[in-house]
């Protein structure tokens, strides 16, 4: 019996597991890496939402400009951009956008305001403590 135990022990060699301190060091390193990576990931999401809002606002502004060139006046609302319109010469045009894009998650809906006296418009939305305004 002792001979069998001695042979098994010799086959296994000096195998030992990790000590508690080694495991604690590994867990601490993983915690430090997570503490660095999570805020960076959150920042990437906020920048992506901002970029989407800016791109949507530019697309809406382009559609308003094309509508204005076709009709000769600014649209009453941005919802008008997704309909067909006829100008004073009887020419139909549009839709200038398939639909008004939804704002990024947590952002306000795109607002559209015109100044009749100057013939200008603004498109804006707010979220993530930032406001996007075009033009």
C-alpha atoms as a PDB file:
ATOM      1  CA  UNK A   1       0.000   0.000   0.000  1.00  0.00           C
ATOM      2  CA  UNK A   2       2.751   2.410   0.873  1.00  0.00           C
ATOM      3  CA  UNK A   3       4.590   1.436  -2.259  1.00  0.00           C
ATOM      4  CA  UNK A   4       1.530   2.311  -4.403  1.00  0.00           C
ATOM      5  CA  UNK A   5       1.154   5.721  -2.718  1.00  0.00           C
ATOM      6  CA  UNK A   6       4.849   6.438  -3.186  1.00  0.00           C
ATOM      7  CA  UNK A   7       4.655   5.549  -6.926  1.00  0.00           C
ATOM      8  CA  UNK A   8       1.594   7.825  -7.465  1.00  0.00           C
ATOM      9  CA  UNK A   9       3.260  10.665  -5.612  1.00  0.00           C
ATOM     10  CA  UNK A  10       6.398  10.299  -7.723  1.00  0.00           C
ATOM     11  CA  UNK A  11       4.317  10.355 -10.967  1.00  0.00           C
ATOM     12  CA  UNK A  12       2.544  13.572  -9.970  1.00  0.00           C
ATOM     13  CA  UNK A  13       5.800  15.274  -9.122  1.00  0.00           C
ATOM     14  CA  UNK A  14       5.698  18.532  -7.229  1.00  0.00           C
ATOM     15  CA  UNK A  15       2.417  19.834  -8.670  1.00  0.00           C
ATOM     16  CA  UNK A  16       0.869  22.545  -6.556  1.00  0.00           C
ATOM     17  CA  UNK A  17      -1.952  25.036  -7.097  1.00  0.00           C
ATOM     18  CA  UNK A  18      -1.875  28.807  -6.950  1.00  0.00           C
ATOM     19  CA  UNK A  19      -1.564  30.471  -3.600  1.00  0.00           C
ATOM     20  CA  UNK A  20      -4.267  32.770  -2.308  1.00  0.00           C
ATOM     21  CA  UNK A  21      -2.047  35.830  -2.695  1.00  0.00           C
ATOM     22  CA  UNK A  22      -1.373  35.023  -6.360  1.00  0.00           C
ATOM     23  CA  UNK A  23      -5.104  34.719  -7.038  1.00  0.00           C
ATOM     24  CA  UNK A  24      -5.773  37.997  -5.216  1.00  0.00           C
ATOM     25  CA  UNK A  25      -3.143  39.780  -7.332  1.00  0.00           C
ATOM     26  CA  UNK A  26      -4.750  38.500 -10.551  1.00  0.00           C
ATOM     27  CA  UNK A  27      -8.203  39.614  -9.388  1.00  0.00           C
ATOM     28  CA  UNK A  28      -6.824  43.058  -8.474  1.00  0.00           C
ATOM     29  CA  UNK A  29      -5.218  43.439 -11.909  1.00  0.00           C
ATOM     30  CA  UNK A  30      -8.480  42.495 -13.627  1.00  0.00           C
ATOM     31  CA  UNK A  31     -10.328  45.025 -11.450  1.00  0.00           C
ATOM     32  CA  UNK A  32      -7.879  47.800 -12.369  1.00  0.00           C
ATOM     33  CA  UNK A  33      -8.203  47.024 -16.083  1.00  0.00           C
ATOM     34  CA  UNK A  34     -12.008  47.044 -15.825  1.00  0.00           C
ATOM     35  CA  UNK A  35     -11.941  50.366 -13.963  1.00  0.00           C
ATOM     36  CA  UNK A  36      -9.954  51.857 -16.849  1.00  0.00           C
ATOM     37  CA  UNK A  37     -11.931  50.265 -19.705  1.00  0.00           C
ATOM     38  CA  UNK A  38     -15.531  50.916 -18.575  1.00  0.00           C
ATOM     39  CA  UNK A  39     -15.343  54.766 -18.580  1.00  0.00           C
ATOM     40  CA  UNK A  40     -13.594  54.676 -21.956  1.00  0.00           C
ATOM     41  CA  UNK A  41     -16.386  52.527 -23.364  1.00  0.00           C
ATOM     42  CA  UNK A  42     -19.064  54.876 -21.971  1.00  0.00           C
ATOM     43  CA  UNK A  43     -17.273  57.822 -23.583  1.00  0.00           C
ATOM     44  CA  UNK A  44     -17.283  56.048 -26.952  1.00  0.00           C
ATOM     45  CA  UNK A  45     -21.051  55.579 -26.726  1.00  0.00           C
ATOM     46  CA  UNK A  46     -21.615  59.269 -25.952  1.00  0.00           C
ATOM     47  CA  UNK A  47     -19.405  60.297 -28.872  1.00  0.00           C
ATOM     48  CA  UNK A  48     -21.321  57.944 -31.178  1.00  0.00           C
ATOM     49  CA  UNK A  49     -24.659  59.476 -30.104  1.00  0.00           C
ATOM     50  CA  UNK A  50     -23.266  62.970 -30.720  1.00  0.00           C
ATOM     51  CA  UNK A  51     -21.974  61.962 -34.167  1.00  0.00           C
ATOM     52  CA  UNK A  52     -25.388  60.490 -35.068  1.00  0.00           C
ATOM     53  CA  UNK A  53     -27.152  63.684 -33.975  1.00  0.00           C
ATOM     54  CA  UNK A  54     -24.766  65.814 -36.035  1.00  0.00           C
ATOM     55  CA  UNK A  55     -25.151  63.600 -39.122  1.00  0.00           C
ATOM     56  CA  UNK A  56     -28.953  63.548 -38.821  1.00  0.00           C
ATOM     57  CA  UNK A  57     -29.092  67.336 -38.400  1.00  0.00           C
ATOM     58  CA  UNK A  58     -26.904  67.834 -41.489  1.00  0.00           C
ATOM     59  CA  UNK A  59     -29.095  65.447 -43.510  1.00  0.00           C
ATOM     60  CA  UNK A  60     -32.221  67.327 -42.400  1.00  0.00           C
ATOM     61  CA  UNK A  61     -30.608  70.669 -43.273  1.00  0.00           C
ATOM     62  CA  UNK A  62     -29.706  69.368 -46.740  1.00  0.00           C
ATOM     63  CA  UNK A  63     -33.264  68.161 -47.281  1.00  0.00           C
ATOM     64  CA  UNK A  64     -34.647  71.553 -46.173  1.00  0.00           C
ATOM     65  CA  UNK A  65     -32.299  73.310 -48.618  1.00  0.00           C
ATOM     66  CA  UNK A  66     -33.363  71.048 -51.504  1.00  0.00           C
ATOM     67  CA  UNK A  67     -37.037  71.536 -50.596  1.00  0.00           C
ATOM     68  CA  UNK A  68     -36.495  75.300 -50.492  1.00  0.00           C
ATOM     69  CA  UNK A  69     -34.780  75.269 -53.895  1.00  0.00           C
ATOM     70  CA  UNK A  70     -37.672  73.284 -55.410  1.00  0.00           C
ATOM     71  CA  UNK A  71     -40.605  75.107 -53.825  1.00  0.00           C
ATOM     72  CA  UNK A  72     -39.107  78.561 -53.323  1.00  0.00           C
ATOM     73  CA  UNK A  73     -39.949  78.666 -49.625  1.00  0.00           C
ATOM     74  CA  UNK A  74     -38.935  76.914 -46.448  1.00  0.00           C
ATOM     75  CA  UNK A  75     -41.104  73.990 -45.322  1.00  0.00           C
ATOM     76  CA  UNK A  76     -43.580  74.531 -42.492  1.00  0.00           C
ATOM     77  CA  UNK A  77     -42.216  71.544 -40.561  1.00  0.00           C
ATOM     78  CA  UNK A  78     -39.620  68.843 -41.011  1.00  0.00           C
ATOM     79  CA  UNK A  79     -42.436  66.312 -41.414  1.00  0.00           C
ATOM     80  CA  UNK A  80     -43.161  68.011 -44.776  1.00  0.00           C
ATOM     81  CA  UNK A  81     -39.819  66.727 -46.057  1.00  0.00           C
ATOM     82  CA  UNK A  82     -41.172  63.172 -46.257  1.00  0.00           C
ATOM     83  CA  UNK A  83     -44.084  64.110 -48.574  1.00  0.00           C
ATOM     84  CA  UNK A  84     -44.363  64.965 -52.237  1.00  0.00           C
ATOM     85  CA  UNK A  85     -44.944  68.643 -53.037  1.00  0.00           C
ATOM     86  CA  UNK A  86     -45.786  70.643 -56.153  1.00  0.00           C
ATOM     87  CA  UNK A  87     -44.102  73.979 -56.778  1.00  0.00           C
ATOM     88  CA  UNK A  88     -45.621  77.081 -58.406  1.00  0.00           C
ATOM     89  CA  UNK A  89     -44.682  75.799 -61.883  1.00  0.00           C
ATOM     90  CA  UNK A  90     -46.644  72.568 -61.408  1.00  0.00           C
ATOM     91  CA  UNK A  91     -43.555  70.390 -60.934  1.00  0.00           C
ATOM     92  CA  UNK A  92     -43.756  67.701 -58.280  1.00  0.00           C
ATOM     93  CA  UNK A  93     -40.795  66.856 -56.141  1.00  0.00           C
ATOM     94  CA  UNK A  94     -40.005  64.775 -53.136  1.00  0.00           C
ATOM     95  CA  UNK A  95     -40.089  63.139 -50.841  1.00  0.00           C
ATOM     96  CA  UNK A  96     -36.870  64.845 -49.873  1.00  0.00           C
ATOM     97  CA  UNK A  97     -36.270  62.356 -47.035  1.00  0.00           C
ATOM     98  CA  UNK A  98     -37.798  58.918 -46.569  1.00  0.00           C
ATOM     99  CA  UNK A  99     -38.650  59.848 -42.983  1.00  0.00           C
ATOM    100  CA  UNK A 100     -37.432  62.081 -40.198  1.00  0.00           C
ATOM    101  CA  UNK A 101     -34.682  60.111 -38.435  1.00  0.00           C
ATOM    102  CA  UNK A 102     -35.200  59.282 -34.773  1.00  0.00           C
ATOM    103  CA  UNK A 103     -32.802  61.053 -32.419  1.00  0.00           C
ATOM    104  CA  UNK A 104     -30.103  59.073 -30.596  1.00  0.00           C
ATOM    105  CA  UNK A 105     -31.139  57.283 -27.401  1.00  0.00           C
ATOM    106  CA  UNK A 106     -31.732  59.803 -24.618  1.00  0.00           C
ATOM    107  CA  UNK A 107     -31.793  62.815 -26.954  1.00  0.00           C
ATOM    108  CA  UNK A 108     -34.697  65.186 -27.599  1.00  0.00           C
ATOM    109  CA  UNK A 109     -36.552  65.015 -30.925  1.00  0.00           C
ATOM    110  CA  UNK A 110     -35.150  67.215 -33.686  1.00  0.00           C
ATOM    111  CA  UNK A 111     -36.672  70.673 -33.585  1.00  0.00           C
ATOM    112  CA  UNK A 112     -37.089  72.895 -36.625  1.00  0.00           C
ATOM    113  CA  UNK A 113     -37.467  76.676 -36.479  1.00  0.00           C
ATOM    114  CA  UNK A 114     -37.607  79.220 -39.277  1.00  0.00           C
ATOM    115  CA  UNK A 115     -37.102  82.968 -39.375  1.00  0.00           C
ATOM    116  CA  UNK A 116     -39.386  84.260 -42.115  1.00  0.00           C
ATOM    117  CA  UNK A 117     -37.776  87.707 -42.213  1.00  0.00           C
ATOM    118  CA  UNK A 118     -34.348  86.367 -43.126  1.00  0.00           C
ATOM    119  CA  UNK A 119     -35.396  83.086 -44.737  1.00  0.00           C
ATOM    120  CA  UNK A 120     -33.159  81.051 -42.435  1.00  0.00           C
ATOM    121  CA  UNK A 121     -33.799  77.956 -40.389  1.00  0.00           C
ATOM    122  CA  UNK A 122     -32.242  75.984 -37.563  1.00  0.00           C
ATOM    123  CA  UNK A 123     -32.418  72.314 -36.713  1.00  0.00           C
ATOM    124  CA  UNK A 124     -31.404  71.281 -33.240  1.00  0.00           C
ATOM    125  CA  UNK A 125     -31.486  68.508 -30.680  1.00  0.00           C
ATOM    126  CA  UNK A 126     -30.071  68.132 -27.194  1.00  0.00           C
ATOM    127  CA  UNK A 127     -28.775  65.260 -25.117  1.00  0.00           C
ATOM    128  CA  UNK A 128     -25.709  64.021 -23.232  1.00  0.00           C
ATOM    129  CA  UNK A 129     -25.272  67.608 -21.898  1.00  0.00           C
ATOM    130  CA  UNK A 130     -24.686  68.780 -25.482  1.00  0.00           C
ATOM    131  CA  UNK A 131     -26.787  70.659 -28.041  1.00  0.00           C
ATOM    132  CA  UNK A 132     -26.412  70.184 -31.770  1.00  0.00           C
ATOM    133  CA  UNK A 133     -27.613  73.111 -33.880  1.00  0.00           C
ATOM    134  CA  UNK A 134     -27.404  73.329 -37.675  1.00  0.00           C
ATOM    135  CA  UNK A 135     -26.696  75.757 -39.383  1.00  0.00           C
END
